[in-house]
Amino acid sequence: MEFLKLYIFCFIWYNYIQVRTEKSDVPCLKKFCSCSRKHSRARCNRLMYIPRVPSYVVILKMENNFLSHISMDTFRNVSNNNLTGLTFINNSIEVLTVDAFKEMNNLRHLKISHETFLNISSLKMSFKNLNKVRMQTMYFINNGWTMLPLDFLSDFRNHTLEKLSFGDNILKNFNSSQLSEFSELHTLSVERNELAFLNARGLHSVINLVLISNNIFEIPNFCADKTGRSLVPKLSRLDMTDNAIRKLHPESFVCLENLHQLILDENRILVLENEIFYRLTNLETLSINRMYNLSKIKSTAFRCPSLKALKFVQNNFNFESSKTKKTFSYNPSELFKYVPILKELDLSNNYMTNDPVVFRKIFYPLSNLTEVRLQASFIKKLPERLFQRMPFLNTLHLRGNRITYWNRNVFENLTSLRNLYMNGNHIRVINESSFPIQLLQSLDSFDISQNKFWCTCAQKWFVDYVRSSNISKILKHWPKFYRCEYPEDKKYFLLVDYKPTDADCLTWSPICTIIIVIVSIVLVLLVLMFYCHANIRNLIYLFRVTKRERKGYIRVNSSTSFEFDAFIIYSDLDMQWVHSELLKHLEEKDLKVCIHQRDFDAGERIIDNITKYGGKSWKIVVVISNNLTEGLGFQWELEFIQERRQRHEKDALVLIMYSQIDSSHMTNSIKSLLDTTPHLRYKKGLGEDLFWSAFTKAVGKPFEDPPKTTP
């Protein structure tokens, strides 16, 4: 009981002291400053001095003031605040005196930005009285600096910094030797300058080197001499995003044996050569993103036995290059063959192949993957039995593709999968075969939002399952982004509001039966027309010939007036069929046939033989095929055929379509002949007897046949 009384007394006394202190504390100069007790900071502007601020302020930001001369006296009003953070932005500072930071013993973070009038030498002198033991970060950014004095950081001998930044200046060269005084410099940032060259001497203590957005055209030399001694023995992370690097080779990354993370995004590399990362024996993370000029990846480009994470994002690389105008080159079987312990792979925002064979070849060696990202990669089909080769797969990202459906065994036996993201695809229906129940029950996070869901009875299983299970707890964005896309009367309805009953889904309208019957009949007719097209044409041809004979037509010309019943024009490449089939059927009917191999006069020109023996023949039979139209002499033969047709009309010709002519061979002359002259189509098998019957009758049909007149 006594203890409780003592506790209550102490609590009351403490709060009393706090209230008294707050009442007596310096107020925030609200007209020029904003103060935050929560963040222990103050921000002041439009002043010509540093004002007094509340005692809780330990982080002070002076922005857009008029402080041309900074000395120890400038900080008198905040000398009791024990400032740990100090920022100057655009204050028109010209000079910092030697004693400026003399009484700021707790200062840990210093930032000087947009101070374009600042004398760098005076800043350097002010470091003499800076408490460098406590200092953690220093930012000198956007000051318009074009160069740094060689002794700029000479006062930091044997000291440590968490981060030193010279970002957003205009430095063209950076001599790192001035950093040699540090015992350890965790992060050096010289981003968004105009560096074309970096002297790495002096970077022996740097762990993280940031060179983003410069004009560096090759990887800097990190070797001290030919012995291979490294100038950066502690360097663990190198970021060279957005430079002018065009080529990498195996020697680019020597002397970086402790590098764990390499970022090469947004460079101008055309080809990833073989073995370029092989010497990085401790590299774990490699980032090659937004390289829009990249078109070739050689077989062992990614050979790096230590690599655990690869980001190859938004390069517009087409893994199905045969379907693009731009040539992309890679070997799917070799691409990831030499990264045996790779755990994380991100190929998002490229053009992934939809060929299941190639897809499997790419991923076949990657049996240790725990996370795969294939977002916005134009995937339409998910190969079967692909992810089963990844027994440790925990997270799969397939957002923003064009997936509509997949085989039921795509997601079977994925016992380690806990996070699945398929939002923003073209999925219409989720049913009992889409995902195994065991998988749905084991997932921690599941996203299939923003798909094109159909609110039909096919969706009944899924909406019922969501209501009867706990899956809605892991469904991301449920129910807001799960809406009906079809039918029109339910468009934009929330899927959660779609509640079909068993009765709704069991009714059957007679109209549906009628539609199915009609569609089935149409399909059967279409199939018959497709497979029997040639036979139908031949039947019509035979019907016309027979009909004319029955109507009593007589021939004015007679085949007895000619030496041959038929003259055959064909390609030598079709000779076997002509001799073994066509010639046999004609000669069985006691018809005399002229063919060039047997009957032409030796030594005479081909065109003279064609004219001579064509004139001696009752009918001209033309065996049309690609082989014939490709022949050098076909143009002469075509002119003879057209002349014969003009003299004796279309019945003087018997055209046989032996094989379909390709569009590249279909000239205007050939098309005109086929459009104006009935022709037969040869097709082996069903209907072949019909073809021969129509053909032999056509050869015997007269080509001038006025009707009989009765007396």
Foldseek 3Di string as FASTA:
>chain_A
DVVVVVVVVVVVVVVVVVVVLVVVWDDAPVVFKDADLVVLAMEGEAEAADAAHGLSRQAYEYEHYADQEAACVRCPNCLNSLHQHYEYYNRLHAAYALHRCQSNQNHAEYEYACNQNYDLVRVLSVVQRHNQQRHAEYHDEHNQDQDHPLQSPVNQAAGEYAEYEHEHYAHQEDELLNLLRYPAYAEYYHEPYAYQAYHLASQQRYAEYHHHAYAHAAQYDQAPDPVQAGNHQNHAYYAHARYAHADADLVRDGRQQNHAEYHHENYAYAEQDANNCQRNQRHAEYEYEQNQNHAEYELRSVQHQNYAEYHYEQNQYAPPQVPDPDHHYDDLQRNCQRHQQHAYYAYENYAYDQPLVSVQSNCVSHQAYQEYHHELRQHAAQHAPRCVSHQNHAEYHHEQYAYAAYFLRRAPPNVRYAYYAHANYAHAEDAPSRHPPVRLVRHQAYEHFNYAYALDPRRQRVLVDVVVDVSVVRYPPPFPRAAHNDDPVRGRPTPNPRHDDPVNNPDDDVVVVVVVVVVVVVVVVVVCCVVCVQLVLLLVLLVVLVVLVVLAWDFPDAQVVAPFLEEEADAPVCVVCCVPPVVVLQVVVVGGYDYCVPDFDPPDDPLVSCVVNVVRYQAYEYADDQRLLPDPCNVSVLVVVVVVCVVLNQLSYEYEDADDHDPVSDDPSNVVNPVRHRYHYADPDPSNVSNSVSRNSSSRGHSDIDHDDDD
